[in-house]
Amino acid sequence: MIEVTKKAEPEIKYPVGRKSKIDGSIVIFWKEGRATVAFPGESKPNAGSTYDGLISCMDENTWEPVDIHIYG
């Protein structure tokens, strides 16, 4: 007998860091679709802005997982 079950989704502990595969920006996701844009070492107009409705942090075609450390 074979039993097939749905693969469990990995549990995410927020905040999580992602790097955009499109423009290389780093974002800090506070929940699945809400994130703050960060550009380490650069000053950009939208750096530090927080957005709702971003592409899910789970989308592997858009985001690459990265480790972030928040301190200071």
Protein backbone atom coordinates (compact mmCIF):
# COMPACT_ATOMS: atom_id res chain seq x y z
CA MET A 1 0.00 0.00 0.00
CA ILE A 2 1.19 3.56 -0.74
CA GLU A 3 -0.04 6.55 1.18
CA VAL A 4 0.45 9.97 -0.41
CA THR A 5 0.27 13.09 1.70
CA LYS A 6 0.79 16.73 0.83
CA LYS A 7 4.30 17.95 1.56
CA ALA A 8 4.34 20.25 4.56
CA GLU A 9 5.21 23.87 3.85
CA PRO A 10 8.32 25.00 5.71
CA GLU A 11 7.51 27.16 8.70
CA ILE A 12 8.79 30.71 8.36
CA LYS A 13 9.81 32.74 11.38
CA TYR A 14 9.48 36.42 10.49
CA PRO A 15 11.28 38.69 9.81
CA VAL A 16 13.02 37.02 6.86
CA GLY A 17 15.41 38.45 4.30
CA ARG A 18 15.10 38.06 0.56
CA LYS A 19 17.17 39.33 -2.36
CA SER A 20 15.37 40.28 -5.55
CA LYS A 21 16.43 38.24 -8.57
CA ILE A 22 15.32 41.20 -10.71
CA ASP A 23 17.26 44.18 -9.33
CA GLY A 24 19.33 42.80 -6.45
CA SER A 25 17.51 44.81 -3.79
CA ILE A 26 17.31 43.36 -0.29
CA VAL A 27 13.97 43.30 1.46
CA ILE A 28 12.99 42.43 4.99
CA PHE A 29 9.64 40.64 5.07
CA TRP A 30 7.64 41.24 8.24
CA LYS A 31 4.89 38.91 6.98
CA GLU A 32 4.29 37.16 3.66
CA GLY A 33 3.44 40.26 1.59
CA ARG A 34 4.69 43.18 3.74
CA ALA A 35 8.33 44.20 3.53
CA THR A 36 10.82 47.00 3.97
CA VAL A 37 13.27 47.73 1.15
CA ALA A 38 16.92 47.94 2.11
CA PHE A 39 19.96 48.68 -0.05
CA PRO A 40 23.07 47.84 1.99
CA GLY A 41 25.85 50.32 1.30
CA GLU A 42 23.73 52.43 -1.05
CA SER A 43 21.40 55.37 -0.78
CA LYS A 44 18.32 54.98 -2.98
CA PRO A 45 15.07 56.98 -2.94
CA ASN A 46 12.90 54.04 -1.82
CA ALA A 47 15.36 52.60 0.73
CA GLY A 48 13.64 52.21 4.07
CA SER A 49 10.14 52.30 2.60
CA THR A 50 7.67 49.63 3.69
CA TYR A 51 5.19 48.15 1.24
CA ASP A 52 2.12 45.93 1.44
CA GLY A 53 1.08 43.63 -1.36
CA LEU A 54 4.53 42.59 -2.55
CA ILE A 55 5.00 39.29 -4.33
CA SER A 56 5.02 36.59 -1.65
CA CYS A 57 8.36 35.97 0.05
CA MET A 58 7.77 32.31 -0.83
CA ASP A 59 8.01 32.98 -4.61
CA GLU A 60 11.28 31.32 -5.65
CA ASN A 61 11.17 32.93 -9.11
CA THR A 62 11.33 36.42 -7.62
CA TRP A 63 13.26 36.08 -4.35
CA GLU A 64 16.44 34.41 -3.20
CA PRO A 65 16.60 33.65 0.55
CA VAL A 66 19.35 35.54 2.40
CA ASP A 67 20.37 35.74 6.05
CA ILE A 68 19.82 39.10 7.70
CA HIS A 69 20.92 40.40 11.06
CA ILE A 70 19.12 43.42 12.48
CA TYR A 71 21.10 45.33 15.04
CA GLY A 72 22.23 48.80 15.87
